[in-house]
Amino acid sequence: MDSSKKTPQTIDEYMADFPAQTQTIMGQIRDLIHEIAPEATEKISYGIPTFVLGQNLVHFAAYPHHIGFYPASSGITHFEEELKNYETSKGTVRFPLDKPIPYDLVRRITEFRVTENRTRAKAKRSK
């Protein structure tokens, strides 16, 4: 994405600045998130696509050589063994663009985060 441009206001605007192949990957991740959490809302937060379900659910972003997926530190920790072949940090996993994107893993991490957010929301309501 050209950093001299204005910050995108929607995920569509964000995705429009990337090559077609990268747009396709981001579109598939976006569709997957909506399939798992249809009630999640979209926004741009920290300049990247963000999905909110009570609170932040997951984020993703595109870079020249990878897709960054941000499922919070709990999502990384819970799937640590399955993520060992990817570069990770506290709340980030990087999926290289020159390798197949592990959509099934993205699905399971997102499902985990949905359960986590719903559990937190339920606990808040019962206080």
C-alpha atoms as a PDB file:
ATOM      1  CA  MET A   1       0.000   0.000   0.000  1.00  0.00           C
ATOM      2  CA  ASP A   2       1.285   3.469  -0.861  1.00  0.00           C
ATOM      3  CA  SER A   3       1.895   5.161   2.508  1.00  0.00           C
ATOM      4  CA  SER A   4       1.537   8.628   0.945  1.00  0.00           C
ATOM      5  CA  LYS A   5      -2.158   7.981   0.344  1.00  0.00           C
ATOM      6  CA  LYS A   6      -4.931   8.857   2.739  1.00  0.00           C
ATOM      7  CA  THR A   7      -5.787   6.159   5.279  1.00  0.00           C
ATOM      8  CA  PRO A   8      -8.552   3.961   3.887  1.00  0.00           C
ATOM      9  CA  GLN A   9     -11.940   4.251   5.551  1.00  0.00           C
ATOM     10  CA  THR A  10     -13.255   0.819   4.546  1.00  0.00           C
ATOM     11  CA  ILE A  11     -11.831  -2.628   3.952  1.00  0.00           C
ATOM     12  CA  ASP A  12     -12.740  -2.307   0.263  1.00  0.00           C
ATOM     13  CA  GLU A  13     -10.652   0.870   0.031  1.00  0.00           C
ATOM     14  CA  TYR A  14      -7.783  -0.850   1.846  1.00  0.00           C
ATOM     15  CA  MET A  15      -7.807  -3.865  -0.455  1.00  0.00           C
ATOM     16  CA  ALA A  16      -8.007  -1.787  -3.644  1.00  0.00           C
ATOM     17  CA  ASP A  17      -4.366  -0.696  -3.333  1.00  0.00           C
ATOM     18  CA  PHE A  18      -2.948  -4.219  -3.639  1.00  0.00           C
ATOM     19  CA  PRO A  19      -2.237  -6.565  -6.549  1.00  0.00           C
ATOM     20  CA  ALA A  20      -5.107  -8.775  -7.709  1.00  0.00           C
ATOM     21  CA  GLN A  21      -3.643 -11.958  -6.191  1.00  0.00           C
ATOM     22  CA  THR A  22      -3.280 -10.287  -2.797  1.00  0.00           C
ATOM     23  CA  GLN A  23      -6.805  -8.855  -3.054  1.00  0.00           C
ATOM     24  CA  THR A  24      -8.107 -12.368  -3.734  1.00  0.00           C
ATOM     25  CA  ILE A  25      -6.375 -13.755  -0.639  1.00  0.00           C
ATOM     26  CA  MET A  26      -7.648 -10.908   1.538  1.00  0.00           C
ATOM     27  CA  GLY A  27     -11.151 -11.385   0.108  1.00  0.00           C
ATOM     28  CA  GLN A  28     -11.071 -15.071   0.998  1.00  0.00           C
ATOM     29  CA  ILE A  29      -9.941 -14.295   4.548  1.00  0.00           C
ATOM     30  CA  ARG A  30     -12.642 -11.644   4.845  1.00  0.00           C
ATOM     31  CA  ASP A  31     -15.329 -14.037   3.583  1.00  0.00           C
ATOM     32  CA  LEU A  32     -14.118 -16.731   5.966  1.00  0.00           C
ATOM     33  CA  ILE A  33     -14.346 -14.379   8.944  1.00  0.00           C
ATOM     34  CA  HIS A  34     -17.888 -13.345   7.949  1.00  0.00           C
ATOM     35  CA  GLU A  35     -18.880 -17.000   7.552  1.00  0.00           C
ATOM     36  CA  ILE A  36     -17.653 -17.779  11.079  1.00  0.00           C
ATOM     37  CA  ALA A  37     -18.896 -14.573  12.699  1.00  0.00           C
ATOM     38  CA  PRO A  38     -21.646 -13.076  10.520  1.00  0.00           C
ATOM     39  CA  GLU A  39     -22.545 -10.589  13.250  1.00  0.00           C
ATOM     40  CA  ALA A  40     -18.994  -9.193  13.401  1.00  0.00           C
ATOM     41  CA  THR A  41     -18.639  -5.661  12.121  1.00  0.00           C
ATOM     42  CA  GLU A  42     -15.878  -4.359   9.899  1.00  0.00           C
ATOM     43  CA  LYS A  43     -13.781  -1.284  10.440  1.00  0.00           C
ATOM     44  CA  ILE A  44     -10.319   0.059   9.813  1.00  0.00           C
ATOM     45  CA  SER A  45      -8.329   0.199  13.035  1.00  0.00           C
ATOM     46  CA  TYR A  46      -4.609   0.877  13.250  1.00  0.00           C
ATOM     47  CA  GLY A  47      -4.884   1.462   9.489  1.00  0.00           C
ATOM     48  CA  ILE A  48      -5.774  -2.182   8.751  1.00  0.00           C
ATOM     49  CA  PRO A  49      -8.912  -4.310   8.301  1.00  0.00           C
ATOM     50  CA  THR A  50     -10.426  -5.152  11.674  1.00  0.00           C
ATOM     51  CA  PHE A  51     -13.381  -7.293  12.681  1.00  0.00           C
ATOM     52  CA  VAL A  52     -15.207  -6.541  15.902  1.00  0.00           C
ATOM     53  CA  LEU A  53     -17.403  -8.897  17.896  1.00  0.00           C
ATOM     54  CA  GLY A  54     -18.017  -7.106  21.174  1.00  0.00           C
ATOM     55  CA  GLN A  55     -14.366  -6.139  21.032  1.00  0.00           C
ATOM     56  CA  ASN A  56     -11.629  -6.662  18.472  1.00  0.00           C
ATOM     57  CA  LEU A  57     -11.881 -10.167  17.046  1.00  0.00           C
ATOM     58  CA  VAL A  58      -9.118 -10.364  14.419  1.00  0.00           C
ATOM     59  CA  HIS A  59      -7.241  -8.057  12.061  1.00  0.00           C
ATOM     60  CA  PHE A  60      -5.356  -8.734   8.855  1.00  0.00           C
ATOM     61  CA  ALA A  61      -3.042  -6.737   6.632  1.00  0.00           C
ATOM     62  CA  ALA A  62      -1.164  -7.195   3.385  1.00  0.00           C
ATOM     63  CA  TYR A  63       2.513  -6.584   2.816  1.00  0.00           C
ATOM     64  CA  PRO A  64       4.737  -7.140  -0.210  1.00  0.00           C
ATOM     65  CA  HIS A  65       5.701 -10.680   0.824  1.00  0.00           C
ATOM     66  CA  HIS A  66       3.139 -11.816   3.388  1.00  0.00           C
ATOM     67  CA  ILE A  67      -0.316 -11.485   4.895  1.00  0.00           C
ATOM     68  CA  GLY A  68      -0.262 -10.491   8.541  1.00  0.00           C
ATOM     69  CA  PHE A  69      -3.013 -12.068  10.621  1.00  0.00           C
ATOM     70  CA  TYR A  70      -3.605 -10.651  14.088  1.00  0.00           C
ATOM     71  CA  PRO A  71      -5.762 -12.856  16.344  1.00  0.00           C
ATOM     72  CA  ALA A  72      -4.508 -11.358  19.638  1.00  0.00           C
ATOM     73  CA  SER A  73      -1.857 -13.048  21.727  1.00  0.00           C
ATOM     74  CA  SER A  74      -4.317 -15.702  22.918  1.00  0.00           C
ATOM     75  CA  GLY A  75      -4.886 -16.870  19.338  1.00  0.00           C
ATOM     76  CA  ILE A  76      -1.157 -17.220  18.773  1.00  0.00           C
ATOM     77  CA  THR A  77      -0.534 -18.993  22.076  1.00  0.00           C
ATOM     78  CA  HIS A  78      -3.450 -21.421  21.686  1.00  0.00           C
ATOM     79  CA  PHE A  79      -2.270 -22.508  18.217  1.00  0.00           C
ATOM     80  CA  GLU A  80       1.460 -22.261  18.929  1.00  0.00           C
ATOM     81  CA  GLU A  81       2.246 -25.807  17.756  1.00  0.00           C
ATOM     82  CA  GLU A  82       0.360 -25.400  14.463  1.00  0.00           C
ATOM     83  CA  LEU A  83       1.994 -22.023  13.862  1.00  0.00           C
ATOM     84  CA  LYS A  84       5.566 -23.244  14.383  1.00  0.00           C
ATOM     85  CA  ASN A  85       6.294 -23.158  10.626  1.00  0.00           C
ATOM     86  CA  TYR A  86       5.317 -19.481  10.378  1.00  0.00           C
ATOM     87  CA  GLU A  87       6.951 -16.341  11.654  1.00  0.00           C
ATOM     88  CA  THR A  88       5.026 -15.198  14.739  1.00  0.00           C
ATOM     89  CA  SER A  89       5.240 -12.622  17.463  1.00  0.00           C
ATOM     90  CA  LYS A  90       3.041 -11.890  20.480  1.00  0.00           C
ATOM     91  CA  GLY A  91      -0.188 -11.313  18.539  1.00  0.00           C
ATOM     92  CA  THR A  92       0.861 -11.787  14.922  1.00  0.00           C
ATOM     93  CA  VAL A  93       1.385 -14.541  12.397  1.00  0.00           C
ATOM     94  CA  ARG A  94       2.843 -13.930   8.951  1.00  0.00           C
ATOM     95  CA  PHE A  95       1.647 -16.085   6.054  1.00  0.00           C
ATOM     96  CA  PRO A  96       4.090 -15.839   3.122  1.00  0.00           C
ATOM     97  CA  LEU A  97       2.473 -14.957  -0.189  1.00  0.00           C
ATOM     98  CA  ASP A  98       4.666 -17.465  -2.046  1.00  0.00           C
ATOM     99  CA  LYS A  99       3.133 -20.395  -0.135  1.00  0.00           C
ATOM    100  CA  PRO A 100      -0.478 -21.580   0.157  1.00  0.00           C
ATOM    101  CA  ILE A 101      -2.461 -19.655   2.755  1.00  0.00           C
ATOM    102  CA  PRO A 102      -3.624 -22.085   5.493  1.00  0.00           C
ATOM    103  CA  TYR A 103      -7.294 -21.085   5.371  1.00  0.00           C
ATOM    104  CA  ASP A 104      -8.323 -23.988   7.616  1.00  0.00           C
ATOM    105  CA  LEU A 105      -5.949 -22.734  10.312  1.00  0.00           C
ATOM    106  CA  VAL A 106      -7.243 -19.174   9.871  1.00  0.00           C
ATOM    107  CA  ARG A 107     -10.746 -20.621  10.298  1.00  0.00           C
ATOM    108  CA  ARG A 108      -9.908 -22.475  13.510  1.00  0.00           C
ATOM    109  CA  ILE A 109      -8.066 -19.501  15.016  1.00  0.00           C
ATOM    110  CA  THR A 110     -11.003 -17.215  14.199  1.00  0.00           C
ATOM    111  CA  GLU A 111     -13.471 -19.723  15.689  1.00  0.00           C
ATOM    112  CA  PHE A 112     -11.341 -19.795  18.839  1.00  0.00           C
ATOM    113  CA  ARG A 113     -11.403 -15.995  19.028  1.00  0.00           C
ATOM    114  CA  VAL A 114     -15.190 -15.910  18.498  1.00  0.00           C
ATOM    115  CA  THR A 115     -15.652 -18.304  21.417  1.00  0.00           C
ATOM    116  CA  GLU A 116     -13.253 -16.259  23.507  1.00  0.00           C
ATOM    117  CA  ASN A 117     -15.030 -12.956  22.779  1.00  0.00           C
ATOM    118  CA  ARG A 118     -18.479 -14.444  23.409  1.00  0.00           C
ATOM    119  CA  THR A 119     -17.314 -15.970  26.702  1.00  0.00           C
ATOM    120  CA  ARG A 120     -15.922 -12.619  27.834  1.00  0.00           C
ATOM    121  CA  ALA A 121     -19.125 -10.809  26.848  1.00  0.00           C
ATOM    122  CA  LYS A 122     -21.242 -13.361  28.707  1.00  0.00           C
ATOM    123  CA  ALA A 123     -19.080 -13.028  31.833  1.00  0.00           C
ATOM    124  CA  LYS A 124     -19.425  -9.229  31.707  1.00  0.00           C
ATOM    125  CA  ARG A 125     -23.218  -9.471  31.448  1.00  0.00           C
ATOM    126  CA  SER A 126     -23.463 -11.830  34.424  1.00  0.00           C
ATOM    127  CA  LYS A 127     -21.582  -9.456  36.755  1.00  0.00           C
END
